[in-house]
Amino acid sequence: MEHFELKKDYAVFCLVGQTSFEEMADLISSAVLRGRQKKIKKLLIDSTGVSGLHPPGIAEGYDFVENISSHAKSTVKIAHVASPKWALNWLPAGQLPGHLKLVVSCPSDRTKA
């Protein structure tokens, strides 16, 4: 899988270029599945290099999160760095499953001392 890199204690999957939400969701799902198959416990997904992406609808966002959590099977911890312009549209309404956690950080948060 292109842009999938194994590190010492984790793996990194970087998406780059123009893609649709559906294509991106399929690529991320494949990366999560690959991580689980290789017994990787931590996966960093970086989709900040993606362009041309339109925010998904509520149903698409819900399906995306459900699909990823299904592939992870609670064995792969996932950190996903995404553009704040549309990342929050991925999240389903209501409480997230117990094995999912959301951390929101803005670039301006990191520049404060």
C-alpha atoms as a PDB file:
ATOM      1  CA  MET A   1       0.000   0.000   0.000  1.00  0.00           C
ATOM      2  CA  GLU A   2       1.441   3.341  -1.075  1.00  0.00           C
ATOM      3  CA  HIS A   3       2.189   5.890   1.675  1.00  0.00           C
ATOM      4  CA  PHE A   4       1.952   3.243   4.434  1.00  0.00           C
ATOM      5  CA  GLU A   5       5.121   3.263   6.524  1.00  0.00           C
ATOM      6  CA  LEU A   6       6.023   0.974   9.399  1.00  0.00           C
ATOM      7  CA  LYS A   7       7.875   2.605  12.285  1.00  0.00           C
ATOM      8  CA  LYS A   8       9.248   1.012  15.459  1.00  0.00           C
ATOM      9  CA  ASP A   9       6.075   1.123  17.583  1.00  0.00           C
ATOM     10  CA  TYR A  10       3.452   2.316  15.108  1.00  0.00           C
ATOM     11  CA  ALA A  11       2.585   2.830  11.455  1.00  0.00           C
ATOM     12  CA  VAL A  12       1.887   6.002   9.471  1.00  0.00           C
ATOM     13  CA  PHE A  13      -0.503   6.304   6.561  1.00  0.00           C
ATOM     14  CA  CYS A  14      -0.425   9.597   4.633  1.00  0.00           C
ATOM     15  CA  LEU A  15      -3.008  10.464   2.026  1.00  0.00           C
ATOM     16  CA  VAL A  16      -2.017  12.997  -0.612  1.00  0.00           C
ATOM     17  CA  GLY A  17      -3.557  14.442  -3.742  1.00  0.00           C
ATOM     18  CA  GLN A  18      -7.061  14.986  -4.975  1.00  0.00           C
ATOM     19  CA  THR A  19      -9.664  12.422  -3.992  1.00  0.00           C
ATOM     20  CA  SER A  20     -13.317  12.007  -3.157  1.00  0.00           C
ATOM     21  CA  PHE A  21     -14.544  11.310   0.365  1.00  0.00           C
ATOM     22  CA  GLU A  22     -15.544   7.797  -0.692  1.00  0.00           C
ATOM     23  CA  GLU A  23     -12.063   7.048  -2.075  1.00  0.00           C
ATOM     24  CA  MET A  24     -10.429   8.474   1.028  1.00  0.00           C
ATOM     25  CA  ALA A  25     -12.694   6.410   3.296  1.00  0.00           C
ATOM     26  CA  ASP A  26     -11.821   3.232   1.355  1.00  0.00           C
ATOM     27  CA  LEU A  27      -8.075   3.950   1.564  1.00  0.00           C
ATOM     28  CA  ILE A  28      -8.226   4.651   5.301  1.00  0.00           C
ATOM     29  CA  SER A  29     -10.310   1.526   5.914  1.00  0.00           C
ATOM     30  CA  SER A  30      -7.728  -0.527   3.999  1.00  0.00           C
ATOM     31  CA  ALA A  31      -4.900   1.013   6.047  1.00  0.00           C
ATOM     32  CA  VAL A  32      -6.677   0.191   9.318  1.00  0.00           C
ATOM     33  CA  LEU A  33      -7.318  -3.367   8.163  1.00  0.00           C
ATOM     34  CA  ARG A  34      -3.677  -3.736   7.101  1.00  0.00           C
ATOM     35  CA  GLY A  35      -2.543  -2.405  10.465  1.00  0.00           C
ATOM     36  CA  ARG A  36      -4.681  -4.947  12.298  1.00  0.00           C
ATOM     37  CA  GLN A  37      -3.463  -7.809  10.087  1.00  0.00           C
ATOM     38  CA  LYS A  38       0.165  -6.818  10.783  1.00  0.00           C
ATOM     39  CA  LYS A  39      -0.614  -6.609  14.512  1.00  0.00           C
ATOM     40  CA  ILE A  40       0.157  -2.894  14.640  1.00  0.00           C
ATOM     41  CA  LYS A  41      -1.258  -1.398  17.812  1.00  0.00           C
ATOM     42  CA  LYS A  42      -1.013   2.292  16.805  1.00  0.00           C
ATOM     43  CA  LEU A  43      -1.785   3.893  13.452  1.00  0.00           C
ATOM     44  CA  LEU A  44      -1.308   7.556  12.587  1.00  0.00           C
ATOM     45  CA  ILE A  45      -3.406   8.682   9.629  1.00  0.00           C
ATOM     46  CA  ASP A  46      -2.575  12.048   8.053  1.00  0.00           C
ATOM     47  CA  SER A  47      -5.090  13.316   5.504  1.00  0.00           C
ATOM     48  CA  THR A  48      -4.017  16.974   5.592  1.00  0.00           C
ATOM     49  CA  GLY A  49      -2.418  16.526   2.159  1.00  0.00           C
ATOM     50  CA  VAL A  50      -5.749  15.678   0.527  1.00  0.00           C
ATOM     51  CA  SER A  51      -7.323  18.254  -1.752  1.00  0.00           C
ATOM     52  CA  GLY A  52     -10.611  18.555  -3.583  1.00  0.00           C
ATOM     53  CA  LEU A  53     -12.483  16.879  -0.768  1.00  0.00           C
ATOM     54  CA  HIS A  54     -16.040  17.900  -0.015  1.00  0.00           C
ATOM     55  CA  PRO A  55     -17.518  17.398   3.455  1.00  0.00           C
ATOM     56  CA  PRO A  56     -19.516  14.182   3.752  1.00  0.00           C
ATOM     57  CA  GLY A  57     -23.139  14.063   4.740  1.00  0.00           C
ATOM     58  CA  ILE A  58     -24.196  12.791   8.152  1.00  0.00           C
ATOM     59  CA  ALA A  59     -24.831   9.241   6.889  1.00  0.00           C
ATOM     60  CA  GLU A  60     -21.488   9.086   5.062  1.00  0.00           C
ATOM     61  CA  GLY A  61     -19.624  10.329   8.127  1.00  0.00           C
ATOM     62  CA  TYR A  62     -21.384   7.799  10.338  1.00  0.00           C
ATOM     63  CA  ASP A  63     -20.607   4.935   7.940  1.00  0.00           C
ATOM     64  CA  PHE A  64     -16.966   6.065   7.775  1.00  0.00           C
ATOM     65  CA  VAL A  65     -16.491   5.975  11.557  1.00  0.00           C
ATOM     66  CA  GLU A  66     -18.376   2.684  11.920  1.00  0.00           C
ATOM     67  CA  ASN A  67     -16.342   1.036   9.148  1.00  0.00           C
ATOM     68  CA  ILE A  68     -13.019   2.107  10.619  1.00  0.00           C
ATOM     69  CA  SER A  69     -13.933   1.015  14.127  1.00  0.00           C
ATOM     70  CA  SER A  70     -15.132  -2.329  12.738  1.00  0.00           C
ATOM     71  CA  HIS A  71     -11.805  -2.884  10.944  1.00  0.00           C
ATOM     72  CA  ALA A  72      -9.813  -1.855  14.017  1.00  0.00           C
ATOM     73  CA  LYS A  73     -11.719  -4.338  16.218  1.00  0.00           C
ATOM     74  CA  SER A  74     -10.467  -2.466  19.298  1.00  0.00           C
ATOM     75  CA  THR A  75      -6.922  -3.713  18.621  1.00  0.00           C
ATOM     76  CA  VAL A  76      -5.613  -0.718  16.643  1.00  0.00           C
ATOM     77  CA  LYS A  77      -5.488   2.716  18.239  1.00  0.00           C
ATOM     78  CA  ILE A  78      -5.978   5.330  15.554  1.00  0.00           C
ATOM     79  CA  ALA A  79      -4.940   8.970  15.502  1.00  0.00           C
ATOM     80  CA  HIS A  80      -6.253  10.861  12.480  1.00  0.00           C
ATOM     81  CA  VAL A  81      -4.917  14.299  11.585  1.00  0.00           C
ATOM     82  CA  ALA A  82      -7.337  16.030   9.220  1.00  0.00           C
ATOM     83  CA  SER A  83      -8.253  19.456   7.968  1.00  0.00           C
ATOM     84  CA  PRO A  84     -10.508  21.206  10.491  1.00  0.00           C
ATOM     85  CA  LYS A  85     -12.598  22.563   7.609  1.00  0.00           C
ATOM     86  CA  TRP A  86     -14.435  19.279   7.227  1.00  0.00           C
ATOM     87  CA  ALA A  87     -13.099  16.758   9.741  1.00  0.00           C
ATOM     88  CA  LEU A  88     -15.874  17.217  12.282  1.00  0.00           C
ATOM     89  CA  ASN A  89     -18.460  16.276   9.647  1.00  0.00           C
ATOM     90  CA  TRP A  90     -17.211  12.679   9.912  1.00  0.00           C
ATOM     91  CA  LEU A  91     -18.436  12.225  13.421  1.00  0.00           C
ATOM     92  CA  PRO A  92     -21.779  10.593  14.096  1.00  0.00           C
ATOM     93  CA  ALA A  93     -24.239  12.381  16.334  1.00  0.00           C
ATOM     94  CA  GLY A  94     -24.424  11.179  19.921  1.00  0.00           C
ATOM     95  CA  GLN A  95     -21.926   9.387  22.077  1.00  0.00           C
ATOM     96  CA  LEU A  96     -18.955   7.667  20.466  1.00  0.00           C
ATOM     97  CA  PRO A  97     -18.369   3.970  21.187  1.00  0.00           C
ATOM     98  CA  GLY A  98     -16.172   3.357  24.248  1.00  0.00           C
ATOM     99  CA  HIS A  99     -13.107   2.398  22.199  1.00  0.00           C
ATOM    100  CA  LEU A 100     -13.178   5.648  20.188  1.00  0.00           C
ATOM    101  CA  LYS A 101     -11.855   8.931  21.522  1.00  0.00           C
ATOM    102  CA  LEU A 102     -11.930  12.360  19.967  1.00  0.00           C
ATOM    103  CA  VAL A 103      -9.196  14.903  20.505  1.00  0.00           C
ATOM    104  CA  VAL A 104      -9.590  18.222  18.739  1.00  0.00           C
ATOM    105  CA  SER A 105      -6.571  20.491  18.498  1.00  0.00           C
ATOM    106  CA  CYS A 106      -6.207  23.673  16.510  1.00  0.00           C
ATOM    107  CA  PRO A 107      -2.795  24.821  15.229  1.00  0.00           C
ATOM    108  CA  SER A 108      -3.169  27.964  17.339  1.00  0.00           C
ATOM    109  CA  ASP A 109      -3.464  25.763  20.467  1.00  0.00           C
ATOM    110  CA  ARG A 110       0.036  24.414  19.864  1.00  0.00           C
ATOM    111  CA  THR A 111       1.702  27.810  19.524  1.00  0.00           C
ATOM    112  CA  LYS A 112       0.704  29.015  22.997  1.00  0.00           C
ATOM    113  CA  ALA A 113       3.270  28.609  25.745  1.00  0.00           C
END
